[in-house]
Amino acid sequence: YSCLNNLKFIKDSEEGVNKAVILADNYCIDNRINANIVIPHDLPF
């Protein structure tokens, strides 16, 4: 789905949300992204 929609996909090891966010944080820092906003996928409104 990520590839079809031109999104950045990072593979994690299913160790929980906090570990997943760390992977995203590292990517942001390496790519000079100034801030991030963590959004769960289950906020329908």
PDB file of all heavy atoms in Angstrom:
ATOM      1  N   TYR A   1       0.836  -1.201   0.000  1.00  0.00           N
ATOM      2  CA  TYR A   1       0.000   0.000   0.000  1.00  0.00           C
ATOM      3  C   TYR A   1       0.877   1.260   0.000  1.00  0.00           C
ATOM      4  O   TYR A   1       0.607   2.222  -0.728  1.00  0.00           O
ATOM      5  CB  TYR A   1      -0.919  -0.006   1.225  1.00  0.00           C
ATOM      6  CG  TYR A   1      -1.711   1.262   1.397  1.00  0.00           C
ATOM      7  CD1 TYR A   1      -2.963   1.405   0.810  1.00  0.00           C
ATOM      8  CD2 TYR A   1      -1.196   2.323   2.152  1.00  0.00           C
ATOM      9  CE1 TYR A   1      -3.680   2.575   0.961  1.00  0.00           C
ATOM     10  CE2 TYR A   1      -1.913   3.498   2.297  1.00  0.00           C
ATOM     11  CZ  TYR A   1      -3.153   3.623   1.705  1.00  0.00           C
ATOM     12  OH  TYR A   1      -3.854   4.798   1.844  1.00  0.00           O
ATOM     13  N   SER A   2       1.920   1.251   0.807  1.00  0.00           N
ATOM     14  CA  SER A   2       2.830   2.396   0.889  1.00  0.00           C
ATOM     15  C   SER A   2       3.484   2.677  -0.462  1.00  0.00           C
ATOM     16  O   SER A   2       3.574   3.838  -0.895  1.00  0.00           O
ATOM     17  CB  SER A   2       3.905   2.144   1.951  1.00  0.00           C
ATOM     18  OG  SER A   2       3.325   1.901   3.213  1.00  0.00           O
ATOM     19  N   CYS A   3       3.934   1.635  -1.108  1.00  0.00           N
ATOM     20  CA  CYS A   3       4.586   1.798  -2.413  1.00  0.00           C
ATOM     21  C   CYS A   3       3.612   2.354  -3.446  1.00  0.00           C
ATOM     22  O   CYS A   3       3.970   3.254  -4.227  1.00  0.00           O
ATOM     23  CB  CYS A   3       5.152   0.464  -2.889  1.00  0.00           C
ATOM     24  SG  CYS A   3       6.514  -0.156  -1.882  1.00  0.00           S
ATOM     25  N   LEU A   4       2.394   1.841  -3.457  1.00  0.00           N
ATOM     26  CA  LEU A   4       1.384   2.294  -4.417  1.00  0.00           C
ATOM     27  C   LEU A   4       1.017   3.755  -4.204  1.00  0.00           C
ATOM     28  O   LEU A   4       0.625   4.449  -5.151  1.00  0.00           O
ATOM     29  CB  LEU A   4       0.130   1.427  -4.315  1.00  0.00           C
ATOM     30  CG  LEU A   4       0.234   0.009  -4.871  1.00  0.00           C
ATOM     31  CD1 LEU A   4      -1.018  -0.791  -4.513  1.00  0.00           C
ATOM     32  CD2 LEU A   4       0.412   0.034  -6.389  1.00  0.00           C
ATOM     33  N   ASN A   5       1.159   4.233  -2.976  1.00  0.00           N
ATOM     34  CA  ASN A   5       0.764   5.601  -2.647  1.00  0.00           C
ATOM     35  C   ASN A   5       1.953   6.534  -2.435  1.00  0.00           C
ATOM     36  O   ASN A   5       1.793   7.642  -1.916  1.00  0.00           O
ATOM     37  CB  ASN A   5      -0.126   5.589  -1.401  1.00  0.00           C
ATOM     38  CG  ASN A   5      -1.506   5.036  -1.684  1.00  0.00           C
ATOM     39  OD1 ASN A   5      -2.386   5.753  -2.146  1.00  0.00           O
ATOM     40  ND2 ASN A   5      -1.694   3.746  -1.432  1.00  0.00           N
ATOM     41  N   ASN A   6       3.145   6.082  -2.857  1.00  0.00           N
ATOM     42  CA  ASN A   6       4.357   6.908  -2.786  1.00  0.00           C
ATOM     43  C   ASN A   6       4.663   7.406  -1.371  1.00  0.00           C
ATOM     44  O   ASN A   6       5.000   8.569  -1.156  1.00  0.00           O
ATOM     45  CB  ASN A   6       4.242   8.104  -3.743  1.00  0.00           C
ATOM     46  CG  ASN A   6       4.115   7.674  -5.181  1.00  0.00           C
ATOM     47  OD1 ASN A   6       4.859   6.821  -5.651  1.00  0.00           O
ATOM     48  ND2 ASN A   6       3.162   8.254  -5.900  1.00  0.00           N
ATOM     49  N   LEU A   7       4.537   6.501  -0.412  1.00  0.00           N
ATOM     50  CA  LEU A   7       4.825   6.817   0.974  1.00  0.00           C
ATOM     51  C   LEU A   7       6.149   6.171   1.377  1.00  0.00           C
ATOM     52  O   LEU A   7       6.535   5.141   0.834  1.00  0.00           O
ATOM     53  CB  LEU A   7       3.713   6.294   1.879  1.00  0.00           C
ATOM     54  CG  LEU A   7       2.276   6.623   1.469  1.00  0.00           C
ATOM     55  CD1 LEU A   7       1.286   5.933   2.398  1.00  0.00           C
ATOM     56  CD2 LEU A   7       2.041   8.116   1.456  1.00  0.00           C
ATOM     57  N   LYS A   8       6.813   6.758   2.337  1.00  0.00           N
ATOM     58  CA  LYS A   8       8.032   6.157   2.878  1.00  0.00           C
ATOM     59  C   LYS A   8       7.642   4.993   3.788  1.00  0.00           C
ATOM     60  O   LYS A   8       6.863   5.173   4.742  1.00  0.00           O
ATOM     61  CB  LYS A   8       8.840   7.185   3.664  1.00  0.00           C
ATOM     62  CG  LYS A   8      10.054   6.613   4.390  1.00  0.00           C
ATOM     63  CD  LYS A   8      11.072   6.036   3.417  1.00  0.00           C
ATOM     64  CE  LYS A   8      12.251   5.418   4.165  1.00  0.00           C
ATOM     65  NZ  LYS A   8      13.233   4.803   3.249  1.00  0.00           N
ATOM     66  N   PHE A   9       8.173   3.821   3.506  1.00  0.00           N
ATOM     67  CA  PHE A   9       7.894   2.639   4.324  1.00  0.00           C
ATOM     68  C   PHE A   9       9.165   2.235   5.054  1.00  0.00           C
ATOM     69  O   PHE A   9      10.233   2.107   4.453  1.00  0.00           O
ATOM     70  CB  PHE A   9       7.407   1.478   3.459  1.00  0.00           C
ATOM     71  CG  PHE A   9       7.124   0.222   4.247  1.00  0.00           C
ATOM     72  CD1 PHE A   9       5.905   0.041   4.886  1.00  0.00           C
ATOM     73  CD2 PHE A   9       8.088  -0.773   4.363  1.00  0.00           C
ATOM     74  CE1 PHE A   9       5.651  -1.116   5.620  1.00  0.00           C
ATOM     75  CE2 PHE A   9       7.840  -1.928   5.088  1.00  0.00           C
ATOM     76  CZ  PHE A   9       6.612  -2.095   5.718  1.00  0.00           C
ATOM     77  N   ILE A  10       9.050   2.045   6.361  1.00  0.00           N
ATOM     78  CA  ILE A  10      10.162   1.560   7.173  1.00  0.00           C
ATOM     79  C   ILE A  10       9.724   0.248   7.820  1.00  0.00           C
ATOM     80  O   ILE A  10       8.698   0.193   8.506  1.00  0.00           O
ATOM     81  CB  ILE A  10      10.560   2.574   8.265  1.00  0.00           C
ATOM     82  CG1 ILE A  10      11.013   3.891   7.621  1.00  0.00           C
ATOM     83  CG2 ILE A  10      11.659   1.996   9.153  1.00  0.00           C
ATOM     84  CD1 ILE A  10      11.333   4.981   8.637  1.00  0.00           C
ATOM     85  N   LYS A  11      10.494  -0.784   7.597  1.00  0.00           N
ATOM     86  CA  LYS A  11      10.158  -2.088   8.178  1.00  0.00           C
ATOM     87  C   LYS A  11      10.605  -2.146   9.625  1.00  0.00           C
ATOM     88  O   LYS A  11      11.737  -1.783   9.959  1.00  0.00           O
ATOM     89  CB  LYS A  11      10.827  -3.212   7.377  1.00  0.00           C
ATOM     90  CG  LYS A  11      10.446  -4.603   7.854  1.00  0.00           C
ATOM     91  CD  LYS A  11      11.065  -5.689   6.978  1.00  0.00           C
ATOM     92  CE  LYS A  11      10.655  -7.068   7.469  1.00  0.00           C
ATOM     93  NZ  LYS A  11      11.212  -8.153   6.638  1.00  0.00           N
ATOM     94  N   ASP A  12       9.697  -2.596  10.497  1.00  0.00           N
ATOM     95  CA  ASP A  12      10.074  -2.772  11.891  1.00  0.00           C
ATOM     96  C   ASP A  12      10.044  -4.248  12.264  1.00  0.00           C
ATOM     97  O   ASP A  12       9.754  -5.110  11.434  1.00  0.00           O
ATOM     98  CB  ASP A  12       9.197  -1.918  12.820  1.00  0.00           C
ATOM     99  CG  ASP A  12       7.803  -2.493  13.035  1.00  0.00           C
ATOM    100  OD1 ASP A  12       7.446  -3.483  12.369  1.00  0.00           O
ATOM    101  OD2 ASP A  12       7.067  -1.938  13.871  1.00  0.00           O
ATOM    102  N   SER A  13      10.342  -4.531  13.522  1.00  0.00           N
ATOM    103  CA  SER A  13      10.457  -5.917  13.973  1.00  0.00           C
ATOM    104  C   SER A  13       9.353  -6.301  14.950  1.00  0.00           C
ATOM    105  O   SER A  13       9.526  -7.225  15.750  1.00  0.00           O
ATOM    106  CB  SER A  13      11.827  -6.148  14.612  1.00  0.00           C
ATOM    107  OG  SER A  13      12.063  -5.194  15.633  1.00  0.00           O
ATOM    108  N   GLU A  14       8.233  -5.567  14.892  1.00  0.00           N
ATOM    109  CA  GLU A  14       7.075  -5.889  15.727  1.00  0.00           C
ATOM    110  C   GLU A  14       7.426  -5.891  17.218  1.00  0.00           C
ATOM    111  O   GLU A  14       7.012  -6.781  17.964  1.00  0.00           O
ATOM    112  CB  GLU A  14       6.489  -7.251  15.339  1.00  0.00           C
ATOM    113  CG  GLU A  14       5.866  -7.283  13.955  1.00  0.00           C
ATOM    114  CD  GLU A  14       4.450  -6.715  13.919  1.00  0.00           C
ATOM    115  OE1 GLU A  14       3.502  -7.425  14.269  1.00  0.00           O
ATOM    116  OE2 GLU A  14       4.318  -5.536  13.549  1.00  0.00           O
ATOM    117  N   GLU A  15       8.180  -4.890  17.643  1.00  0.00           N
ATOM    118  CA  GLU A  15       8.546  -4.779  19.058  1.00  0.00           C
ATOM    119  C   GLU A  15       7.765  -3.677  19.760  1.00  0.00           C
ATOM    120  O   GLU A  15       8.165  -3.226  20.834  1.00  0.00           O
ATOM    121  CB  GLU A  15      10.053  -4.533  19.189  1.00  0.00           C
ATOM    122  CG  GLU A  15      10.913  -5.683  18.725  1.00  0.00           C
ATOM    123  CD  GLU A  15      12.390  -5.424  18.963  1.00  0.00           C
ATOM    124  OE1 GLU A  15      12.795  -5.405  20.133  1.00  0.00           O
ATOM    125  OE2 GLU A  15      13.129  -5.225  17.977  1.00  0.00           O
ATOM    126  N   GLY A  16       6.673  -3.248  19.177  1.00  0.00           N
ATOM    127  CA  GLY A  16       5.839  -2.248  19.820  1.00  0.00           C
ATOM    128  C   GLY A  16       5.930  -0.877  19.186  1.00  0.00           C
ATOM    129  O   GLY A  16       6.825  -0.590  18.380  1.00  0.00           O
ATOM    130  N   VAL A  17       4.993  -0.021  19.592  1.00  0.00           N
ATOM    131  CA  VAL A  17       4.879   1.312  18.989  1.00  0.00           C
ATOM    132  C   VAL A  17       6.109   2.165  19.271  1.00  0.00           C
ATOM    133  O   VAL A  17       6.594   2.881  18.386  1.00  0.00           O
ATOM    134  CB  VAL A  17       3.612   2.027  19.517  1.00  0.00           C
ATOM    135  CG1 VAL A  17       3.491   3.419  18.903  1.00  0.00           C
ATOM    136  CG2 VAL A  17       2.374   1.214  19.212  1.00  0.00           C
ATOM    137  N   ASN A  18       6.633   2.101  20.486  1.00  0.00           N
ATOM    138  CA  ASN A  18       7.767   2.965  20.828  1.00  0.00           C
ATOM    139  C   ASN A  18       8.992   2.662  19.979  1.00  0.00           C
ATOM    140  O   ASN A  18       9.680   3.587  19.511  1.00  0.00           O
ATOM    141  CB  ASN A  18       8.095   2.828  22.321  1.00  0.00           C
ATOM    142  CG  ASN A  18       6.954   3.301  23.195  1.00  0.00           C
ATOM    143  OD1 ASN A  18       6.468   4.418  23.054  1.00  0.00           O
ATOM    144  ND2 ASN A  18       6.504   2.444  24.091  1.00  0.00           N
ATOM    145  N   LYS A  19       9.263   1.381  19.740  1.00  0.00           N
ATOM    146  CA  LYS A  19      10.387   1.014  18.887  1.00  0.00           C
ATOM    147  C   LYS A  19      10.131   1.458  17.439  1.00  0.00           C
ATOM    148  O   LYS A  19      11.060   1.897  16.742  1.00  0.00           O
ATOM    149  CB  LYS A  19      10.618  -0.505  18.945  1.00  0.00           C
ATOM    150  CG  LYS A  19      11.124  -1.005  20.284  1.00  0.00           C
ATOM    151  CD  LYS A  19      12.575  -0.590  20.500  1.00  0.00           C
ATOM    152  CE  LYS A  19      13.133  -1.143  21.810  1.00  0.00           C
ATOM    153  NZ  LYS A  19      13.298  -2.599  21.824  1.00  0.00           N
ATOM    154  N   ALA A  20       8.885   1.346  17.005  1.00  0.00           N
ATOM    155  CA  ALA A  20       8.546   1.789  15.645  1.00  0.00           C
ATOM    156  C   ALA A  20       8.776   3.287  15.489  1.00  0.00           C
ATOM    157  O   ALA A  20       9.316   3.752  14.466  1.00  0.00           O
ATOM    158  CB  ALA A  20       7.093   1.435  15.333  1.00  0.00           C
ATOM    159  N   VAL A  21       8.389   4.050  16.499  1.00  0.00           N
ATOM    160  CA  VAL A  21       8.571   5.503  16.431  1.00  0.00           C
ATOM    161  C   VAL A  21      10.054   5.873  16.430  1.00  0.00           C
ATOM    162  O   VAL A  21      10.472   6.804  15.729  1.00  0.00           O
ATOM    163  CB  VAL A  21       7.834   6.191  17.603  1.00  0.00           C
ATOM    164  CG1 VAL A  21       8.186   7.678  17.674  1.00  0.00           C
ATOM    165  CG2 VAL A  21       6.327   6.030  17.434  1.00  0.00           C
ATOM    166  N   ILE A  22      10.860   5.144  17.173  1.00  0.00           N
ATOM    167  CA  ILE A  22      12.313   5.401  17.169  1.00  0.00           C
ATOM    168  C   ILE A  22      12.880   5.246  15.761  1.00  0.00           C
ATOM    169  O   ILE A  22      13.723   6.048  15.320  1.00  0.00           O
ATOM    170  CB  ILE A  22      13.034   4.464  18.159  1.00  0.00           C
ATOM    171  CG1 ILE A  22      12.728   4.876  19.599  1.00  0.00           C
ATOM    172  CG2 ILE A  22      14.552   4.484  17.923  1.00  0.00           C
ATOM    173  CD1 ILE A  22      13.244   3.905  20.645  1.00  0.00           C
ATOM    174  N   LEU A  23      12.440   4.216  15.041  1.00  0.00           N
ATOM    175  CA  LEU A  23      12.908   4.022  13.666  1.00  0.00           C
ATOM    176  C   LEU A  23      12.541   5.226  12.794  1.00  0.00           C
ATOM    177  O   LEU A  23      13.359   5.704  11.989  1.00  0.00           O
ATOM    178  CB  LEU A  23      12.301   2.746  13.077  1.00  0.00           C
ATOM    179  CG  LEU A  23      12.756   1.422  13.687  1.00  0.00           C
ATOM    180  CD1 LEU A  23      11.962   0.262  13.077  1.00  0.00           C
ATOM    181  CD2 LEU A  23      14.246   1.203  13.470  1.00  0.00           C
ATOM    182  N   ALA A  24      11.327   5.720  12.963  1.00  0.00           N
ATOM    183  CA  ALA A  24      10.906   6.897  12.200  1.00  0.00           C
ATOM    184  C   ALA A  24      11.696   8.136  12.622  1.00  0.00           C
ATOM    185  O   ALA A  24      12.086   8.948  11.766  1.00  0.00           O
ATOM    186  CB  ALA A  24       9.411   7.131  12.386  1.00  0.00           C
ATOM    187  N   ASP A  25      11.931   8.282  13.922  1.00  0.00           N
ATOM    188  CA  ASP A  25      12.715   9.423  14.415  1.00  0.00           C
ATOM    189  C   ASP A  25      14.115   9.425  13.801  1.00  0.00           C
ATOM    190  O   ASP A  25      14.628  10.480  13.366  1.00  0.00           O
ATOM    191  CB  ASP A  25      12.849   9.372  15.936  1.00  0.00           C
ATOM    192  CG  ASP A  25      11.534   9.631  16.649  1.00  0.00           C
ATOM    193  OD1 ASP A  25      10.587  10.112  16.008  1.00  0.00           O
ATOM    194  OD2 ASP A  25      11.472   9.347  17.867  1.00  0.00           O
ATOM    195  N   ASN A  26      14.742   8.261  13.767  1.00  0.00           N
ATOM    196  CA  ASN A  26      16.090   8.162  13.194  1.00  0.00           C
ATOM    197  C   ASN A  26      16.093   8.560  11.723  1.00  0.00           C
ATOM    198  O   ASN A  26      17.007   9.254  11.254  1.00  0.00           O
ATOM    199  CB  ASN A  26      16.637   6.745  13.362  1.00  0.00           C
ATOM    200  CG  ASN A  26      16.923   6.396  14.810  1.00  0.00           C
ATOM    201  OD1 ASN A  26      17.084   7.286  15.653  1.00  0.00           O
ATOM    202  ND2 ASN A  26      16.987   5.123  15.113  1.00  0.00           N
ATOM    203  N   TYR A  27      15.075   8.118  10.996  1.00  0.00           N
ATOM    204  CA  TYR A  27      14.958   8.496   9.589  1.00  0.00           C
ATOM    205  C   TYR A  27      14.800  10.020   9.457  1.00  0.00           C
ATOM    206  O   TYR A  27      15.441  10.658   8.602  1.00  0.00           O
ATOM    207  CB  TYR A  27      13.764   7.791   8.945  1.00  0.00           C
ATOM    208  CG  TYR A  27      13.458   8.270   7.543  1.00  0.00           C
ATOM    209  CD1 TYR A  27      14.142   7.745   6.447  1.00  0.00           C
ATOM    210  CD2 TYR A  27      12.497   9.263   7.330  1.00  0.00           C
ATOM    211  CE1 TYR A  27      13.876   8.210   5.158  1.00  0.00           C
ATOM    212  CE2 TYR A  27      12.231   9.727   6.053  1.00  0.00           C
ATOM    213  CZ  TYR A  27      12.912   9.204   4.974  1.00  0.00           C
ATOM    214  OH  TYR A  27      12.664   9.660   3.702  1.00  0.00           O
ATOM    215  N   CYS A  28      13.973  10.601  10.310  1.00  0.00           N
ATOM    216  CA  CYS A  28      13.758  12.050  10.257  1.00  0.00           C
ATOM    217  C   CYS A  28      15.047  12.821  10.523  1.00  0.00           C
ATOM    218  O   CYS A  28      15.369  13.786   9.817  1.00  0.00           O
ATOM    219  CB  CYS A  28      12.688  12.456  11.270  1.00  0.00           C
ATOM    220  SG  CYS A  28      11.010  11.927  10.843  1.00  0.00           S
ATOM    221  N   ILE A  29      15.784  12.389  11.526  1.00  0.00           N
ATOM    222  CA  ILE A  29      17.034  13.070  11.872  1.00  0.00           C
ATOM    223  C   ILE A  29      18.044  12.937  10.740  1.00  0.00           C
ATOM    224  O   ILE A  29      18.707  13.910  10.354  1.00  0.00           O
ATOM    225  CB  ILE A  29      17.590  12.507  13.191  1.00  0.00           C
ATOM    226  CG1 ILE A  29      16.657  12.890  14.348  1.00  0.00           C
ATOM    227  CG2 ILE A  29      19.004  13.018  13.456  1.00  0.00           C
ATOM    228  CD1 ILE A  29      16.872  12.094  15.604  1.00  0.00           C
ATOM    229  N   ASP A  30      18.171  11.730  10.195  1.00  0.00           N
ATOM    230  CA  ASP A  30      19.117  11.506   9.092  1.00  0.00           C
ATOM    231  C   ASP A  30      18.767  12.330   7.858  1.00  0.00           C
ATOM    232  O   ASP A  30      19.647  12.689   7.067  1.00  0.00           O
ATOM    233  CB  ASP A  30      19.150  10.024   8.709  1.00  0.00           C
ATOM    234  CG  ASP A  30      19.806   9.163   9.774  1.00  0.00           C
ATOM    235  OD1 ASP A  30      20.478   9.714  10.665  1.00  0.00           O
ATOM    236  OD2 ASP A  30      19.629   7.923   9.733  1.00  0.00           O
ATOM    237  N   ASN A  31      17.486  12.643   7.683  1.00  0.00           N
ATOM    238  CA  ASN A  31      17.033  13.365   6.496  1.00  0.00           C
ATOM    239  C   ASN A  31      16.667  14.820   6.786  1.00  0.00           C
ATOM    240  O   ASN A  31      15.995  15.465   5.987  1.00  0.00           O
ATOM    241  CB  ASN A  31      15.841  12.628   5.867  1.00  0.00           C
ATOM    242  CG  ASN A  31      16.257  11.334   5.196  1.00  0.00           C
ATOM    243  OD1 ASN A  31      16.652  11.307   4.051  1.00  0.00           O
ATOM    244  ND2 ASN A  31      16.170  10.238   5.951  1.00  0.00           N
ATOM    245  N   ARG A  32      17.151  15.316   7.915  1.00  0.00           N
ATOM    246  CA  ARG A  32      17.003  16.723   8.290  1.00  0.00           C
ATOM    247  C   ARG A  32      15.541  17.182   8.302  1.00  0.00           C
ATOM    248  O   ARG A  32      15.208  18.280   7.849  1.00  0.00           O
ATOM    249  CB  ARG A  32      17.836  17.615   7.371  1.00  0.00           C
ATOM    250  CG  ARG A  32      19.328  17.305   7.450  1.00  0.00           C
ATOM    251  CD  ARG A  32      20.157  18.253   6.627  1.00  0.00           C
ATOM    252  NE  ARG A  32      21.575  17.961   6.741  1.00  0.00           N
ATOM    253  CZ  ARG A  32      22.548  18.667   6.153  1.00  0.00           C
ATOM    254  NH1 ARG A  32      22.230  19.705   5.394  1.00  0.00           N
ATOM    255  NH2 ARG A  32      23.810  18.319   6.313  1.00  0.00           N
ATOM    256  N   ILE A  33      14.692  16.324   8.805  1.00  0.00           N
ATOM    257  CA  ILE A  33      13.289  16.680   9.018  1.00  0.00           C
ATOM    258  C   ILE A  33      13.182  17.296  10.405  1.00  0.00           C
ATOM    259  O   ILE A  33      13.634  16.727  11.386  1.00  0.00           O
ATOM    260  CB  ILE A  33      12.392  15.437   8.869  1.00  0.00           C
ATOM    261  CG1 ILE A  33      12.432  14.947   7.411  1.00  0.00           C
ATOM    262  CG2 ILE A  33      10.963  15.736   9.290  1.00  0.00           C
ATOM    263  CD1 ILE A  33      11.752  13.622   7.172  1.00  0.00           C
ATOM    264  N   ASN A  34      12.615  18.484  10.477  1.00  0.00           N
ATOM    265  CA  ASN A  34      12.661  19.280  11.700  1.00  0.00           C
ATOM    266  C   ASN A  34      11.727  18.807  12.803  1.00  0.00           C
ATOM    267  O   ASN A  34      11.976  19.029  13.988  1.00  0.00           O
ATOM    268  CB  ASN A  34      12.333  20.744  11.388  1.00  0.00           C
ATOM    269  CG  ASN A  34      13.186  21.305  10.273  1.00  0.00           C
ATOM    270  OD1 ASN A  34      12.758  21.314   9.118  1.00  0.00           O
ATOM    271  ND2 ASN A  34      14.391  21.751  10.588  1.00  0.00           N
ATOM    272  N   ALA A  35      10.623  18.196  12.407  1.00  0.00           N
ATOM    273  CA  ALA A  35       9.617  17.780  13.388  1.00  0.00           C
ATOM    274  C   ALA A  35       8.817  16.624  12.822  1.00  0.00           C
ATOM    275  O   ALA A  35       8.783  16.416  11.604  1.00  0.00           O
ATOM    276  CB  ALA A  35       8.691  18.948  13.725  1.00  0.00           C
ATOM    277  N   ASN A  36       8.173  15.894  13.723  1.00  0.00           N
ATOM    278  CA  ASN A  36       7.230  14.883  13.228  1.00  0.00           C
ATOM    279  C   ASN A  36       5.981  14.848  14.088  1.00  0.00           C
ATOM    280  O   ASN A  36       5.964  15.340  15.219  1.00  0.00           O
ATOM    281  CB  ASN A  36       7.873  13.503  13.053  1.00  0.00           C
ATOM    282  CG  ASN A  36       8.310  12.837  14.332  1.00  0.00           C
ATOM    283  OD1 ASN A  36       7.777  13.090  15.409  1.00  0.00           O
ATOM    284  ND2 ASN A  36       9.302  11.953  14.223  1.00  0.00           N
ATOM    285  N   ILE A  37       4.949  14.303  13.516  1.00  0.00           N
ATOM    286  CA  ILE A  37       3.667  14.183  14.201  1.00  0.00           C
ATOM    287  C   ILE A  37       3.214  12.730  14.087  1.00  0.00           C
ATOM    288  O   ILE A  37       3.030  12.217  12.985  1.00  0.00           O
ATOM    289  CB  ILE A  37       2.632  15.177  13.628  1.00  0.00           C
ATOM    290  CG1 ILE A  37       1.271  15.016  14.316  1.00  0.00           C
ATOM    291  CG2 ILE A  37       2.514  15.082  12.125  1.00  0.00           C
ATOM    292  CD1 ILE A  37       0.292  16.152  13.990  1.00  0.00           C
ATOM    293  N   VAL A  38       3.139  12.058  15.229  1.00  0.00           N
ATOM    294  CA  VAL A  38       2.754  10.650  15.255  1.00  0.00           C
ATOM    295  C   VAL A  38       1.228  10.578  15.244  1.00  0.00           C
ATOM    296  O   VAL A  38       0.560  11.124  16.131  1.00  0.00           O
ATOM    297  CB  VAL A  38       3.323   9.939  16.491  1.00  0.00           C
ATOM    298  CG1 VAL A  38       2.942   8.454  16.460  1.00  0.00           C
ATOM    299  CG2 VAL A  38       4.840  10.090  16.552  1.00  0.00           C
ATOM    300  N   ILE A  39       0.691   9.901  14.224  1.00  0.00           N
ATOM    301  CA  ILE A  39      -0.748   9.810  14.029  1.00  0.00           C
ATOM    302  C   ILE A  39      -1.142   8.334  13.964  1.00  0.00           C
ATOM    303  O   ILE A  39      -0.758   7.640  13.025  1.00  0.00           O
ATOM    304  CB  ILE A  39      -1.171  10.520  12.724  1.00  0.00           C
ATOM    305  CG1 ILE A  39      -0.716  11.987  12.743  1.00  0.00           C
ATOM    306  CG2 ILE A  39      -2.676  10.414  12.514  1.00  0.00           C
ATOM    307  CD1 ILE A  39      -1.005  12.723  11.440  1.00  0.00           C
ATOM    308  N   PRO A  40      -1.886   7.833  14.932  1.00  0.00           N
ATOM    309  CA  PRO A  40      -2.389   6.463  14.819  1.00  0.00           C
ATOM    310  C   PRO A  40      -3.292   6.331  13.593  1.00  0.00           C
ATOM    311  O   PRO A  40      -3.908   7.312  13.160  1.00  0.00           O
ATOM    312  CB  PRO A  40      -3.195   6.274  16.112  1.00  0.00           C
ATOM    313  CG  PRO A  40      -2.699   7.333  17.038  1.00  0.00           C
ATOM    314  CD  PRO A  40      -2.319   8.492  16.173  1.00  0.00           C
ATOM    315  N   HIS A  41      -3.386   5.128  13.070  1.00  0.00           N
ATOM    316  CA  HIS A  41      -4.193   4.940  11.863  1.00  0.00           C
ATOM    317  C   HIS A  41      -5.682   4.795  12.176  1.00  0.00           C
ATOM    318  O   HIS A  41      -6.497   4.710  11.255  1.00  0.00           O
ATOM    319  CB  HIS A  41      -3.722   3.691  11.092  1.00  0.00           C
ATOM    320  CG  HIS A  41      -4.220   2.406  11.678  1.00  0.00           C
ATOM    321  ND1 HIS A  41      -3.687   1.859  12.821  1.00  0.00           N
ATOM    322  CD2 HIS A  41      -5.214   1.562  11.278  1.00  0.00           C
ATOM    323  CE1 HIS A  41      -4.324   0.747  13.108  1.00  0.00           C
ATOM    324  NE2 HIS A  41      -5.256   0.535  12.196  1.00  0.00           N
ATOM    325  N   ASP A  42      -6.059   4.792  13.465  1.00  0.00           N
ATOM    326  CA  ASP A  42      -7.440   4.510  13.831  1.00  0.00           C
ATOM    327  C   ASP A  42      -8.164   5.711  14.443  1.00  0.00           C
ATOM    328  O   ASP A  42      -8.959   5.581  15.363  1.00  0.00           O
ATOM    329  CB  ASP A  42      -7.505   3.311  14.777  1.00  0.00           C
ATOM    330  CG  ASP A  42      -6.704   3.515  16.059  1.00  0.00           C
ATOM    331  OD1 ASP A  42      -6.023   4.551  16.181  1.00  0.00           O
ATOM    332  OD2 ASP A  42      -6.765   2.644  16.938  1.00  0.00           O
ATOM    333  N   LEU A  43      -7.873   6.912  13.905  1.00  0.00           N
ATOM    334  CA  LEU A  43      -8.601   8.115  14.311  1.00  0.00           C
ATOM    335  C   LEU A  43      -9.527   8.496  13.161  1.00  0.00           C
ATOM    336  O   LEU A  43      -9.164   9.292  12.291  1.00  0.00           O
ATOM    337  CB  LEU A  43      -7.636   9.270  14.612  1.00  0.00           C
ATOM    338  CG  LEU A  43      -6.576   9.034  15.690  1.00  0.00           C
ATOM    339  CD1 LEU A  43      -5.729  10.291  15.866  1.00  0.00           C
ATOM    340  CD2 LEU A  43      -7.205   8.621  17.018  1.00  0.00           C
ATOM    341  N   PRO A  44     -10.727   7.950  13.120  1.00  0.00           N
ATOM    342  CA  PRO A  44     -11.564   8.085  11.926  1.00  0.00           C
ATOM    343  C   PRO A  44     -12.055   9.492  11.641  1.00  0.00           C
ATOM    344  O   PRO A  44     -12.481   9.780  10.522  1.00  0.00           O
ATOM    345  CB  PRO A  44     -12.741   7.143  12.214  1.00  0.00           C
ATOM    346  CG  PRO A  44     -12.761   7.001  13.696  1.00  0.00           C
ATOM    347  CD  PRO A  44     -11.349   7.090  14.140  1.00  0.00           C
ATOM    348  N   PHE A  45     -11.994  10.399  12.630  1.00  0.00           N
ATOM    349  CA  PHE A  45     -12.492  11.752  12.412  1.00  0.00           C
ATOM    350  C   PHE A  45     -11.377  12.775  12.228  1.00  0.00           C
ATOM    351  O   PHE A  45     -11.622  13.983  12.248  1.00  0.00           O
ATOM    352  CB  PHE A  45     -13.405  12.169  13.579  1.00  0.00           C
ATOM    353  CG  PHE A  45     -14.588  11.259  13.746  1.00  0.00           C
ATOM    354  CD1 PHE A  45     -14.777  10.574  14.937  1.00  0.00           C
ATOM    355  CD2 PHE A  45     -15.489  11.059  12.716  1.00  0.00           C
ATOM    356  CE1 PHE A  45     -15.867   9.715  15.100  1.00  0.00           C
ATOM    357  CE2 PHE A  45     -16.573  10.199  12.869  1.00  0.00           C
ATOM    358  CZ  PHE A  45     -16.759   9.532  14.054  1.00  0.00           C
TER     359      PHE A  45
END
